[in-house]
Amino acid sequence: MIAGWNRLAYAPRRHAETLTEILHAQPFHPFTVHTVSGETYLVDHPDFVWLPRGGRTVYISLPGGAGERVRLVDTALIERLETNDVHQPN
């Protein structure tokens, strides 16, 4: 787990900066986007999310289904970002 990133709650403009940091971390760690409405979106690969310059909206590719499915999330509506540990301690 990346130190300090397990449960992040910031002012909305800060989420875009934090998303950028998480997406560029080496190695990449899967994370979940939690919205204020209670929706959650797993990002298990950096290619499945796009945060354009300006950082107002994040595009998240959704798994399953025929064709491409994308959810647009306003960064102001992100409640928190939570990293998902791949390796659980014994």
PDB file of N, CA and C in Angstrom:
ATOM      1  N   MET A   1       0.842  -1.175   0.000  1.00  0.00           N
ATOM      2  CA  MET A   1       0.000   0.000   0.000  1.00  0.00           C
ATOM      3  C   MET A   1       0.887   1.237   0.000  1.00  0.00           C
ATOM      4  N   ILE A   2       0.503   2.248  -0.721  1.00  0.00           N
ATOM      5  CA  ILE A   2       1.248   3.494  -0.780  1.00  0.00           C
ATOM      6  C   ILE A   2       0.930   4.286   0.471  1.00  0.00           C
ATOM      7  N   ALA A   3       1.951   4.719   1.167  1.00  0.00           N
ATOM      8  CA  ALA A   3       1.764   5.432   2.437  1.00  0.00           C
ATOM      9  C   ALA A   3       0.850   6.628   2.251  1.00  0.00           C
ATOM     10  N   GLY A   4      -0.173   6.701   3.103  1.00  0.00           N
ATOM     11  CA  GLY A   4      -1.067   7.859   3.102  1.00  0.00           C
ATOM     12  C   GLY A   4      -2.152   7.841   2.047  1.00  0.00           C
ATOM     13  N   TRP A   5      -2.175   6.840   1.168  1.00  0.00           N
ATOM     14  CA  TRP A   5      -3.158   6.841   0.101  1.00  0.00           C
ATOM     15  C   TRP A   5      -4.295   5.871   0.334  1.00  0.00           C
ATOM     16  N   ASN A   6      -4.329   5.159   1.452  1.00  0.00           N
ATOM     17  CA  ASN A   6      -5.349   4.135   1.625  1.00  0.00           C
ATOM     18  C   ASN A   6      -6.757   4.708   1.702  1.00  0.00           C
ATOM     19  N   ARG A   7      -6.942   5.838   2.339  1.00  0.00           N
ATOM     20  CA  ARG A   7      -8.250   6.491   2.397  1.00  0.00           C
ATOM     21  C   ARG A   7      -8.012   7.991   2.335  1.00  0.00           C
ATOM     22  N   LEU A   8      -8.274   8.566   1.181  1.00  0.00           N
ATOM     23  CA  LEU A   8      -7.991   9.982   1.001  1.00  0.00           C
ATOM     24  C   LEU A   8      -9.278  10.775   0.851  1.00  0.00           C
ATOM     25  N   ALA A   9      -9.400  11.812   1.636  1.00  0.00           N
ATOM     26  CA  ALA A   9     -10.537  12.718   1.510  1.00  0.00           C
ATOM     27  C   ALA A   9      -9.986  14.138   1.490  1.00  0.00           C
ATOM     28  N   TYR A  10     -10.124  14.798   0.365  1.00  0.00           N
ATOM     29  CA  TYR A  10      -9.597  16.148   0.193  1.00  0.00           C
ATOM     30  C   TYR A  10     -10.672  17.066  -0.358  1.00  0.00           C
ATOM     31  N   ALA A  11     -10.337  18.327  -0.417  1.00  0.00           N
ATOM     32  CA  ALA A  11     -11.196  19.277  -1.115  1.00  0.00           C
ATOM     33  C   ALA A  11     -11.240  18.841  -2.580  1.00  0.00           C
ATOM     34  N   PRO A  12     -12.354  19.068  -3.280  1.00  0.00           N
ATOM     35  CA  PRO A  12     -12.513  18.573  -4.652  1.00  0.00           C
ATOM     36  C   PRO A  12     -11.356  18.882  -5.593  1.00  0.00           C
ATOM     37  N   ARG A  13     -10.804  20.077  -5.559  1.00  0.00           N
ATOM     38  CA  ARG A  13      -9.724  20.397  -6.492  1.00  0.00           C
ATOM     39  C   ARG A  13      -8.475  19.582  -6.213  1.00  0.00           C
ATOM     40  N   ARG A  14      -8.355  19.100  -5.009  1.00  0.00           N
ATOM     41  CA  ARG A  14      -7.205  18.285  -4.619  1.00  0.00           C
ATOM     42  C   ARG A  14      -7.297  16.868  -5.172  1.00  0.00           C
ATOM     43  N   HIS A  15      -8.513  16.369  -5.453  1.00  0.00           N
ATOM     44  CA  HIS A  15      -8.674  15.009  -5.971  1.00  0.00           C
ATOM     45  C   HIS A  15      -7.969  14.820  -7.308  1.00  0.00           C
ATOM     46  N   ALA A  16      -8.025  15.810  -8.184  1.00  0.00           N
ATOM     47  CA  ALA A  16      -7.359  15.700  -9.482  1.00  0.00           C
ATOM     48  C   ALA A  16      -5.856  15.539  -9.293  1.00  0.00           C
ATOM     49  N   GLU A  17      -5.265  16.293  -8.390  1.00  0.00           N
ATOM     50  CA  GLU A  17      -3.831  16.177  -8.124  1.00  0.00           C
ATOM     51  C   GLU A  17      -3.499  14.804  -7.546  1.00  0.00           C
ATOM     52  N   THR A  18      -4.316  14.339  -6.621  1.00  0.00           N
ATOM     53  CA  THR A  18      -4.091  13.040  -5.992  1.00  0.00           C
ATOM     54  C   THR A  18      -4.260  11.917  -7.010  1.00  0.00           C
ATOM     55  N   LEU A  19      -5.272  11.997  -7.866  1.00  0.00           N
ATOM     56  CA  LEU A  19      -5.456  11.000  -8.920  1.00  0.00           C
ATOM     57  C   LEU A  19      -4.233  10.931  -9.827  1.00  0.00           C
ATOM     58  N   THR A  20      -3.702  12.065 -10.188  1.00  0.00           N
ATOM     59  CA  THR A  20      -2.512  12.104 -11.034  1.00  0.00           C
ATOM     60  C   THR A  20      -1.346  11.401 -10.349  1.00  0.00           C
ATOM     61  N   GLU A  21      -1.155  11.671  -9.073  1.00  0.00           N
ATOM     62  CA  GLU A  21      -0.076  11.020  -8.324  1.00  0.00           C
ATOM     63  C   GLU A  21      -0.271   9.508  -8.280  1.00  0.00           C
ATOM     64  N   ILE A  22      -1.489   9.059  -8.006  1.00  0.00           N
ATOM     65  CA  ILE A  22      -1.774   7.631  -7.921  1.00  0.00           C
ATOM     66  C   ILE A  22      -1.565   6.953  -9.277  1.00  0.00           C
ATOM     67  N   LEU A  23      -2.006   7.596 -10.339  1.00  0.00           N
ATOM     68  CA  LEU A  23      -1.883   7.011 -11.676  1.00  0.00           C
ATOM     69  C   LEU A  23      -0.436   6.887 -12.140  1.00  0.00           C
ATOM     70  N   HIS A  24       0.425   7.777 -11.665  1.00  0.00           N
ATOM     71  CA  HIS A  24       1.829   7.752 -12.086  1.00  0.00           C
ATOM     72  C   HIS A  24       2.740   7.030 -11.102  1.00  0.00           C
ATOM     73  N   ALA A  25       2.189   6.488 -10.029  1.00  0.00           N
ATOM     74  CA  ALA A  25       3.000   5.777  -9.039  1.00  0.00           C
ATOM     75  C   ALA A  25       3.600   4.518  -9.666  1.00  0.00           C
ATOM     76  N   GLN A  26       4.828   4.237  -9.287  1.00  0.00           N
ATOM     77  CA  GLN A  26       5.508   3.025  -9.747  1.00  0.00           C
ATOM     78  C   GLN A  26       5.908   2.203  -8.546  1.00  0.00           C
ATOM     79  N   PRO A  27       5.440   1.012  -8.379  1.00  0.00           N
ATOM     80  CA  PRO A  27       4.482   0.355  -9.275  1.00  0.00           C
ATOM     81  C   PRO A  27       3.070   0.890  -9.040  1.00  0.00           C
ATOM     82  N   PHE A  28       2.226   0.686 -10.036  1.00  0.00           N
ATOM     83  CA  PHE A  28       0.830   1.100  -9.932  1.00  0.00           C
ATOM     84  C   PHE A  28       0.118   0.239  -8.895  1.00  0.00           C
ATOM     85  N   HIS A  29      -0.758   0.849  -8.102  1.00  0.00           N
ATOM     86  CA  HIS A  29      -1.586   0.143  -7.134  1.00  0.00           C
ATOM     87  C   HIS A  29      -3.053   0.359  -7.503  1.00  0.00           C
ATOM     88  N   PRO A  30      -3.835  -0.709  -7.665  1.00  0.00           N
ATOM     89  CA  PRO A  30      -5.265  -0.540  -7.939  1.00  0.00           C
ATOM     90  C   PRO A  30      -5.918   0.300  -6.845  1.00  0.00           C
ATOM     91  N   PHE A  31      -6.955   1.043  -7.223  1.00  0.00           N
ATOM     92  CA  PHE A  31      -7.654   1.880  -6.253  1.00  0.00           C
ATOM     93  C   PHE A  31      -9.130   1.964  -6.601  1.00  0.00           C
ATOM     94  N   THR A  32      -9.923   2.400  -5.625  1.00  0.00           N
ATOM     95  CA  THR A  32     -11.354   2.560  -5.813  1.00  0.00           C
ATOM     96  C   THR A  32     -11.718   4.029  -5.618  1.00  0.00           C
ATOM     97  N   VAL A  33     -12.540   4.523  -6.539  1.00  0.00           N
ATOM     98  CA  VAL A  33     -13.074   5.877  -6.443  1.00  0.00           C
ATOM     99  C   VAL A  33     -14.435   5.762  -5.768  1.00  0.00           C
ATOM    100  N   HIS A  34     -14.622   6.472  -4.662  1.00  0.00           N
ATOM    101  CA  HIS A  34     -15.896   6.506  -3.946  1.00  0.00           C
ATOM    102  C   HIS A  34     -16.521   7.880  -4.161  1.00  0.00           C
ATOM    103  N   THR A  35     -17.769   7.903  -4.640  1.00  0.00           N
ATOM    104  CA  THR A  35     -18.441   9.179  -4.876  1.00  0.00           C
ATOM    105  C   THR A  35     -19.356   9.521  -3.704  1.00  0.00           C
ATOM    106  N   VAL A  36     -19.772  10.773  -3.635  1.00  0.00           N
ATOM    107  CA  VAL A  36     -20.650  11.217  -2.558  1.00  0.00           C
ATOM    108  C   VAL A  36     -22.020  10.540  -2.622  1.00  0.00           C
ATOM    109  N   SER A  37     -22.406  10.023  -3.793  1.00  0.00           N
ATOM    110  CA  SER A  37     -23.694   9.337  -3.927  1.00  0.00           C
ATOM    111  C   SER A  37     -23.611   7.863  -3.551  1.00  0.00           C
ATOM    112  N   GLY A  38     -22.401   7.397  -3.173  1.00  0.00           N
ATOM    113  CA  GLY A  38     -22.241   6.015  -2.750  1.00  0.00           C
ATOM    114  C   GLY A  38     -21.778   5.063  -3.841  1.00  0.00           C
ATOM    115  N   GLU A  39     -21.619   5.550  -5.060  1.00  0.00           N
ATOM    116  CA  GLU A  39     -21.121   4.688  -6.131  1.00  0.00           C
ATOM    117  C   GLU A  39     -19.627   4.452  -5.944  1.00  0.00           C
ATOM    118  N   THR A  40     -19.159   3.278  -6.369  1.00  0.00           N
ATOM    119  CA  THR A  40     -17.737   2.968  -6.298  1.00  0.00           C
ATOM    120  C   THR A  40     -17.277   2.444  -7.652  1.00  0.00           C
ATOM    121  N   TYR A  41     -16.051   2.794  -8.016  1.00  0.00           N
ATOM    122  CA  TYR A  41     -15.481   2.369  -9.287  1.00  0.00           C
ATOM    123  C   TYR A  41     -14.063   1.881  -9.049  1.00  0.00           C
ATOM    124  N   LEU A  42     -13.832   0.612  -9.376  1.00  0.00           N
ATOM    125  CA  LEU A  42     -12.508   0.036  -9.241  1.00  0.00           C
ATOM    126  C   LEU A  42     -11.665   0.415 -10.452  1.00  0.00           C
ATOM    127  N   VAL A  43     -10.460   0.890 -10.188  1.00  0.00           N
ATOM    128  CA  VAL A  43      -9.488   1.170 -11.243  1.00  0.00           C
ATOM    129  C   VAL A  43      -8.331   0.204 -11.003  1.00  0.00           C
ATOM    130  N   ASP A  44      -8.300  -0.885 -11.793  1.00  0.00           N
ATOM    131  CA  ASP A  44      -7.279  -1.896 -11.556  1.00  0.00           C
ATOM    132  C   ASP A  44      -6.115  -1.834 -12.541  1.00  0.00           C
ATOM    133  N   HIS A  45      -6.140  -0.840 -13.412  1.00  0.00           N
ATOM    134  CA  HIS A  45      -5.024  -0.625 -14.334  1.00  0.00           C
ATOM    135  C   HIS A  45      -5.056   0.849 -14.751  1.00  0.00           C
ATOM    136  N   PRO A  46      -3.892   1.486 -14.868  1.00  0.00           N
ATOM    137  CA  PRO A  46      -3.893   2.914 -15.204  1.00  0.00           C
ATOM    138  C   PRO A  46      -4.458   3.229 -16.585  1.00  0.00           C
ATOM    139  N   ASP A  47      -4.503   2.257 -17.480  1.00  0.00           N
ATOM    140  CA  ASP A  47      -5.072   2.489 -18.810  1.00  0.00           C
ATOM    141  C   ASP A  47      -6.585   2.591 -18.791  1.00  0.00           C
ATOM    142  N   PHE A  48      -7.224   2.247 -17.654  1.00  0.00           N
ATOM    143  CA  PHE A  48      -8.676   2.242 -17.582  1.00  0.00           C
ATOM    144  C   PHE A  48      -9.260   3.514 -16.983  1.00  0.00           C
ATOM    145  N   VAL A  49      -8.435   4.540 -16.834  1.00  0.00           N
ATOM    146  CA  VAL A  49      -8.919   5.823 -16.321  1.00  0.00           C
ATOM    147  C   VAL A  49      -8.186   6.942 -17.058  1.00  0.00           C
ATOM    148  N   TRP A  50      -8.903   8.029 -17.305  1.00  0.00           N
ATOM    149  CA  TRP A  50      -8.306   9.159 -17.995  1.00  0.00           C
ATOM    150  C   TRP A  50      -8.723  10.433 -17.284  1.00  0.00           C
ATOM    151  N   LEU A  51      -7.723  11.227 -16.922  1.00  0.00           N
ATOM    152  CA  LEU A  51      -7.960  12.512 -16.268  1.00  0.00           C
ATOM    153  C   LEU A  51      -7.369  13.589 -17.163  1.00  0.00           C
ATOM    154  N   PRO A  52      -8.220  14.261 -17.954  1.00  0.00           N
ATOM    155  CA  PRO A  52      -7.708  15.278 -18.867  1.00  0.00           C
ATOM    156  C   PRO A  52      -7.129  16.482 -18.127  1.00  0.00           C
ATOM    157  N   ARG A  53      -6.363  17.253 -18.838  1.00  0.00           N
ATOM    158  CA  ARG A  53      -5.810  18.478 -18.279  1.00  0.00           C
ATOM    159  C   ARG A  53      -6.942  19.332 -17.725  1.00  0.00           C
ATOM    160  N   GLY A  54      -6.724  19.915 -16.595  1.00  0.00           N
ATOM    161  CA  GLY A  54      -7.772  20.691 -15.947  1.00  0.00           C
ATOM    162  C   GLY A  54      -8.396  19.926 -14.797  1.00  0.00           C
ATOM    163  N   GLY A  55      -8.508  18.611 -14.946  1.00  0.00           N
ATOM    164  CA  GLY A  55      -8.915  17.738 -13.863  1.00  0.00           C
ATOM    165  C   GLY A  55     -10.325  17.905 -13.341  1.00  0.00           C
ATOM    166  N   ARG A  56     -11.229  18.420 -14.126  1.00  0.00           N
ATOM    167  CA  ARG A  56     -12.606  18.601 -13.656  1.00  0.00           C
ATOM    168  C   ARG A  56     -13.401  17.298 -13.718  1.00  0.00           C
ATOM    169  N   THR A  57     -13.135  16.469 -14.727  1.00  0.00           N
ATOM    170  CA  THR A  57     -13.861  15.228 -14.929  1.00  0.00           C
ATOM    171  C   THR A  57     -12.876  14.084 -15.101  1.00  0.00           C
ATOM    172  N   VAL A  58     -13.166  12.954 -14.474  1.00  0.00           N
ATOM    173  CA  VAL A  58     -12.362  11.749 -14.655  1.00  0.00           C
ATOM    174  C   VAL A  58     -13.220  10.741 -15.421  1.00  0.00           C
ATOM    175  N   TYR A  59     -12.613  10.093 -16.411  1.00  0.00           N
ATOM    176  CA  TYR A  59     -13.286   9.096 -17.229  1.00  0.00           C
ATOM    177  C   TYR A  59     -12.804   7.728 -16.770  1.00  0.00           C
ATOM    178  N   ILE A  60     -13.737   6.875 -16.345  1.00  0.00           N
ATOM    179  CA  ILE A  60     -13.395   5.561 -15.813  1.00  0.00           C
ATOM    180  C   ILE A  60     -14.017   4.493 -16.698  1.00  0.00           C
ATOM    181  N   SER A  61     -13.178   3.610 -17.238  1.00  0.00           N
ATOM    182  CA  SER A  61     -13.651   2.506 -18.047  1.00  0.00           C
ATOM    183  C   SER A  61     -14.264   1.450 -17.130  1.00  0.00           C
ATOM    184  N   LEU A  62     -15.481   1.018 -17.454  1.00  0.00           N
ATOM    185  CA  LEU A  62     -16.194   0.039 -16.633  1.00  0.00           C
ATOM    186  C   LEU A  62     -15.995  -1.357 -17.194  1.00  0.00           C
ATOM    187  N   PRO A  63     -15.862  -2.346 -16.329  1.00  0.00           N
ATOM    188  CA  PRO A  63     -15.667  -3.718 -16.792  1.00  0.00           C
ATOM    189  C   PRO A  63     -16.969  -4.344 -17.291  1.00  0.00           C
ATOM    190  N   GLY A  64     -16.823  -5.391 -18.095  1.00  0.00           N
ATOM    191  CA  GLY A  64     -17.967  -6.200 -18.521  1.00  0.00           C
ATOM    192  C   GLY A  64     -18.798  -5.555 -19.609  1.00  0.00           C
ATOM    193  N   GLY A  65     -19.728  -6.333 -20.108  1.00  0.00           N
ATOM    194  CA  GLY A  65     -20.649  -5.841 -21.121  1.00  0.00           C
ATOM    195  C   GLY A  65     -20.026  -5.832 -22.508  1.00  0.00           C
ATOM    196  N   ALA A  66     -20.879  -5.709 -23.496  1.00  0.00           N
ATOM    197  CA  ALA A  66     -20.413  -5.640 -24.877  1.00  0.00           C
ATOM    198  C   ALA A  66     -20.055  -4.201 -25.214  1.00  0.00           C
ATOM    199  N   GLY A  67     -18.966  -4.025 -25.895  1.00  0.00           N
ATOM    200  CA  GLY A  67     -18.542  -2.684 -26.268  1.00  0.00           C
ATOM    201  C   GLY A  67     -17.891  -1.951 -25.115  1.00  0.00           C
ATOM    202  N   GLU A  68     -17.629  -0.687 -25.335  1.00  0.00           N
ATOM    203  CA  GLU A  68     -16.958   0.110 -24.321  1.00  0.00           C
ATOM    204  C   GLU A  68     -17.978   0.843 -23.458  1.00  0.00           C
ATOM    205  N   ARG A  69     -17.759   0.778 -22.155  1.00  0.00           N
ATOM    206  CA  ARG A  69     -18.603   1.488 -21.201  1.00  0.00           C
ATOM    207  C   ARG A  69     -17.698   2.387 -20.377  1.00  0.00           C
ATOM    208  N   VAL A  70     -18.087   3.653 -20.274  1.00  0.00           N
ATOM    209  CA  VAL A  70     -17.288   4.632 -19.549  1.00  0.00           C
ATOM    210  C   VAL A  70     -18.196   5.428 -18.631  1.00  0.00           C
ATOM    211  N   ARG A  71     -17.720   5.688 -17.428  1.00  0.00           N
ATOM    212  CA  ARG A  71     -18.445   6.538 -16.480  1.00  0.00           C
ATOM    213  C   ARG A  71     -17.669   7.848 -16.363  1.00  0.00           C
ATOM    214  N   LEU A  72     -18.364   8.956 -16.469  1.00  0.00           N
ATOM    215  CA  LEU A  72     -17.776  10.274 -16.274  1.00  0.00           C
ATOM    216  C   LEU A  72     -18.101  10.712 -14.860  1.00  0.00           C
ATOM    217  N   VAL A  73     -17.076  11.060 -14.096  1.00  0.00           N
ATOM    218  CA  VAL A  73     -17.261  11.466 -12.706  1.00  0.00           C
ATOM    219  C   VAL A  73     -16.653  12.839 -12.507  1.00  0.00           C
ATOM    220  N   ASP A  74     -17.447  13.762 -12.028  1.00  0.00           N
ATOM    221  CA  ASP A  74     -16.960  15.095 -11.682  1.00  0.00           C
ATOM    222  C   ASP A  74     -16.077  14.956 -10.443  1.00  0.00           C
ATOM    223  N   THR A  75     -14.859  15.472 -10.487  1.00  0.00           N
ATOM    224  CA  THR A  75     -13.960  15.316  -9.343  1.00  0.00           C
ATOM    225  C   THR A  75     -14.508  15.987  -8.085  1.00  0.00           C
ATOM    226  N   ALA A  76     -15.418  16.940  -8.234  1.00  0.00           N
ATOM    227  CA  ALA A  76     -16.034  17.572  -7.064  1.00  0.00           C
ATOM    228  C   ALA A  76     -16.959  16.606  -6.329  1.00  0.00           C
ATOM    229  N   LEU A  77     -17.357  15.508  -7.011  1.00  0.00           N
ATOM    230  CA  LEU A  77     -18.274  14.542  -6.409  1.00  0.00           C
ATOM    231  C   LEU A  77     -17.555  13.301  -5.876  1.00  0.00           C
ATOM    232  N   ILE A  78     -16.234  13.351  -5.862  1.00  0.00           N
ATOM    233  CA  ILE A  78     -15.467  12.247  -5.286  1.00  0.00           C
ATOM    234  C   ILE A  78     -15.376  12.464  -3.785  1.00  0.00           C
ATOM    235  N   GLU A  79     -15.817  11.448  -3.042  1.00  0.00           N
ATOM    236  CA  GLU A  79     -15.748  11.514  -1.586  1.00  0.00           C
ATOM    237  C   GLU A  79     -14.365  11.119  -1.096  1.00  0.00           C
ATOM    238  N   ARG A  80     -13.835  10.012  -1.670  1.00  0.00           N
ATOM    239  CA  ARG A  80     -12.506   9.564  -1.274  1.00  0.00           C
ATOM    240  C   ARG A  80     -11.955   8.608  -2.314  1.00  0.00           C
ATOM    241  N   LEU A  81     -10.646   8.411  -2.233  1.00  0.00           N
ATOM    242  CA  LEU A  81      -9.921   7.445  -3.057  1.00  0.00           C
ATOM    243  C   LEU A  81      -9.316   6.436  -2.102  1.00  0.00           C
ATOM    244  N   GLU A  82      -9.432   5.168  -2.444  1.00  0.00           N
ATOM    245  CA  GLU A  82      -8.968   4.129  -1.535  1.00  0.00           C
ATOM    246  C   GLU A  82      -8.143   3.118  -2.322  1.00  0.00           C
ATOM    247  N   THR A  83      -6.883   2.927  -1.920  1.00  0.00           N
ATOM    248  CA  THR A  83      -6.066   1.929  -2.601  1.00  0.00           C
ATOM    249  C   THR A  83      -6.499   0.546  -2.170  1.00  0.00           C
ATOM    250  N   ASN A  84      -6.343  -0.394  -3.071  1.00  0.00           N
ATOM    251  CA  ASN A  84      -6.726  -1.786  -2.827  1.00  0.00           C
ATOM    252  C   ASN A  84      -5.463  -2.616  -2.755  1.00  0.00           C
ATOM    253  N   ASP A  85      -5.196  -3.191  -1.599  1.00  0.00           N
ATOM    254  CA  ASP A  85      -4.026  -4.035  -1.450  1.00  0.00           C
ATOM    255  C   ASP A  85      -4.196  -5.306  -2.260  1.00  0.00           C
ATOM    256  N   VAL A  86      -3.176  -5.613  -3.054  1.00  0.00           N
ATOM    257  CA  VAL A  86      -3.185  -6.837  -3.832  1.00  0.00           C
ATOM    258  C   VAL A  86      -2.751  -7.989  -2.921  1.00  0.00           C
ATOM    259  N   HIS A  87      -1.778  -7.739  -2.055  1.00  0.00           N
ATOM    260  CA  HIS A  87      -1.265  -8.768  -1.159  1.00  0.00           C
ATOM    261  C   HIS A  87      -1.794  -8.505   0.247  1.00  0.00           C
ATOM    262  N   GLN A  88      -2.523  -9.448   0.796  1.00  0.00           N
ATOM    263  CA  GLN A  88      -3.037  -9.331   2.143  1.00  0.00           C
ATOM    264  C   GLN A  88      -2.045  -9.923   3.125  1.00  0.00           C
ATOM    265  N   PRO A  89      -1.810  -9.291   4.277  1.00  0.00           N
ATOM    266  CA  PRO A  89      -0.891  -9.870   5.252  1.00  0.00           C
ATOM    267  C   PRO A  89      -1.438 -11.173   5.819  1.00  0.00           C
ATOM    268  N   ASN A  90      -0.548 -12.092   6.177  1.00  0.00           N
ATOM    269  CA  ASN A  90      -0.959 -13.395   6.726  1.00  0.00           C
ATOM    270  C   ASN A  90      -1.372 -13.269   8.154  1.00  0.00           C
TER     271      ASN A  90
END
